[in-house]
Protein backbone atom coordinates (compact mmCIF):
# COMPACT_ATOMS: atom_id res chain seq x y z
CA MET A 1 0.00 0.00 0.00
CA ALA A 2 2.85 2.35 0.86
CA ARG A 3 4.50 1.63 -2.49
CA SER A 4 1.30 2.36 -4.38
CA HIS A 5 0.88 5.69 -2.53
CA TRP A 6 4.48 6.59 -3.32
CA ALA A 7 4.04 5.61 -6.98
CA GLU A 8 0.85 7.67 -7.25
CA ALA A 9 2.57 10.65 -5.66
CA ALA A 10 5.53 10.32 -8.01
CA GLN A 11 3.22 10.14 -11.04
CA GLU A 12 1.28 13.19 -9.85
CA ALA A 13 4.53 15.10 -9.33
CA GLN A 14 5.74 14.16 -12.81
CA ASN A 15 2.43 15.29 -14.32
CA LEU A 16 2.69 18.57 -12.42
CA CYS A 17 6.25 19.14 -13.61
CA ALA A 18 5.23 18.31 -17.19
CA SER A 19 2.60 21.05 -17.02
CA LEU A 20 5.29 23.53 -15.98
CA PRO A 21 7.71 23.44 -18.95
CA TRP A 22 9.76 26.42 -17.73
CA LEU A 23 11.19 24.47 -14.78
CA THR A 24 14.80 23.44 -15.02
CA SER A 25 15.70 19.80 -14.39
CA ALA A 26 16.98 20.63 -10.90
CA GLN A 27 13.81 22.59 -10.10
CA ALA A 28 11.62 19.76 -11.40
CA GLU A 29 13.52 17.23 -9.27
CA ASP A 30 13.24 19.48 -6.22
CA LEU A 31 9.51 20.03 -6.81
CA THR A 32 9.00 16.28 -7.31
CA ARG A 33 10.81 15.48 -4.07
CA HIS A 34 8.84 18.06 -2.09
CA TYR A 35 5.54 17.00 -3.64
CA ILE A 36 6.13 13.31 -2.86
CA THR A 37 7.16 14.13 0.72
CA HIS A 38 4.07 16.28 1.23
CA ARG A 39 1.73 13.76 -0.41
CA ILE A 40 3.07 10.82 1.65
CA ALA A 41 2.71 12.85 4.86
CA LEU A 42 -0.87 13.70 3.89
CA SER A 43 -1.66 10.04 3.15
CA ARG A 44 -0.14 9.02 6.49
CA ARG A 45 -2.27 11.58 8.37
CA MET A 46 -5.41 10.44 6.56
CA LEU A 47 -4.74 6.76 7.25
CA THR A 48 -3.93 7.47 10.90
CA ALA A 49 -7.17 9.42 11.28
CA THR A 50 -9.07 6.57 9.64
CA VAL A 51 -7.53 4.02 12.01
CA HIS A 52 -8.37 6.17 15.05
CA ARG A 53 -11.96 6.61 13.86
CA ALA A 54 -12.28 2.87 13.25
CA GLU A 55 -11.10 2.23 16.82
CA GLU A 56 -13.64 4.75 18.17
CA LEU A 57 -16.44 3.13 16.19
CA ARG A 58 -15.39 -0.33 17.34
CA ARG A 59 -15.54 0.77 20.98
CA GLU A 60 -18.92 2.45 20.45
CA TYR A 61 -20.37 -0.63 18.75
CA GLU A 62 -18.98 -2.95 21.43
CA ASP A 63 -20.48 -0.80 24.18
CA ARG A 64 -23.85 -0.72 22.45
CA TYR A 65 -23.72 -4.48 21.86
CA GLN A 66 -23.07 -5.07 25.55
CA GLN A 67 -25.99 -2.82 26.50
CA LEU A 68 -28.33 -4.63 24.12
CA ARG A 69 -27.09 -8.02 25.32
CA ARG A 70 -27.68 -7.15 28.99
CA SER A 71 -31.14 -5.84 28.16
CA LEU A 72 -32.02 -8.98 26.22
CA LEU A 73 -30.75 -11.26 29.01
CA ARG A 74 -32.72 -9.26 31.56
CA ARG A 75 -35.90 -9.62 29.48
CA HIS A 76 -35.35 -13.34 29.07
CA ALA A 77 -34.82 -13.74 32.81
CA VAL A 78 -38.07 -11.86 33.51
CA TRP A 79 -40.03 -13.97 31.03
CA ALA A 80 -38.51 -17.21 32.32
CA SER A 81 -39.32 -16.24 35.91
CA ALA A 82 -42.87 -15.27 34.97
CA THR A 83 -43.34 -18.54 33.09
CA LEU A 84 -42.00 -20.51 36.06
CA VAL A 85 -44.27 -18.67 38.49
CA CYS A 86 -47.29 -19.32 36.24
CA ALA A 87 -46.38 -22.99 35.88
CA VAL A 88 -45.99 -23.39 39.65
CA GLY A 89 -49.27 -21.54 40.21
CA VAL A 90 -51.15 -23.65 37.68
CA GLY A 91 -49.60 -26.81 39.16
CA GLY A 92 -50.67 -25.75 42.65
CA VAL A 93 -54.21 -25.00 41.51
CA LEU A 94 -54.48 -28.30 39.63
CA GLY A 95 -53.08 -30.16 42.64
CA ALA A 96 -55.60 -28.52 44.93
CA VAL A 97 -58.46 -29.24 42.57
CA ALA A 98 -57.40 -32.89 42.16
CA ARG A 99 -57.49 -33.54 45.94
C-alpha cells in the first residue's frame, strides 16, 4: 500500500512538472521530491485518522452491543421467571383441585 501511494505521488509530481515546462531539471527534481514528501505525509495523516476513527467506532459498537445483550438477558430472565411462576401456580391450583 505504501509503495502504491508513493508511486501515485511520483506520477502526480511528474504530471505537475510536465505542465510547468519552464522548470529546469533541478527545479523539477526538487519540486517532485517536495511533492512526494508532502503527499506521503498527507496520506499518512489520513490513514492514521481513519484508524483512530475505526477504533472509536469499534468501541462504540462494542459498548452498544453489551448494553443490548444485557437488556435482552434481563428480558429473558423476567419472562422465564414469569413462566415458572405461572407454571408453579397452575400446578398448585391443579393439585388442589385434584385432591
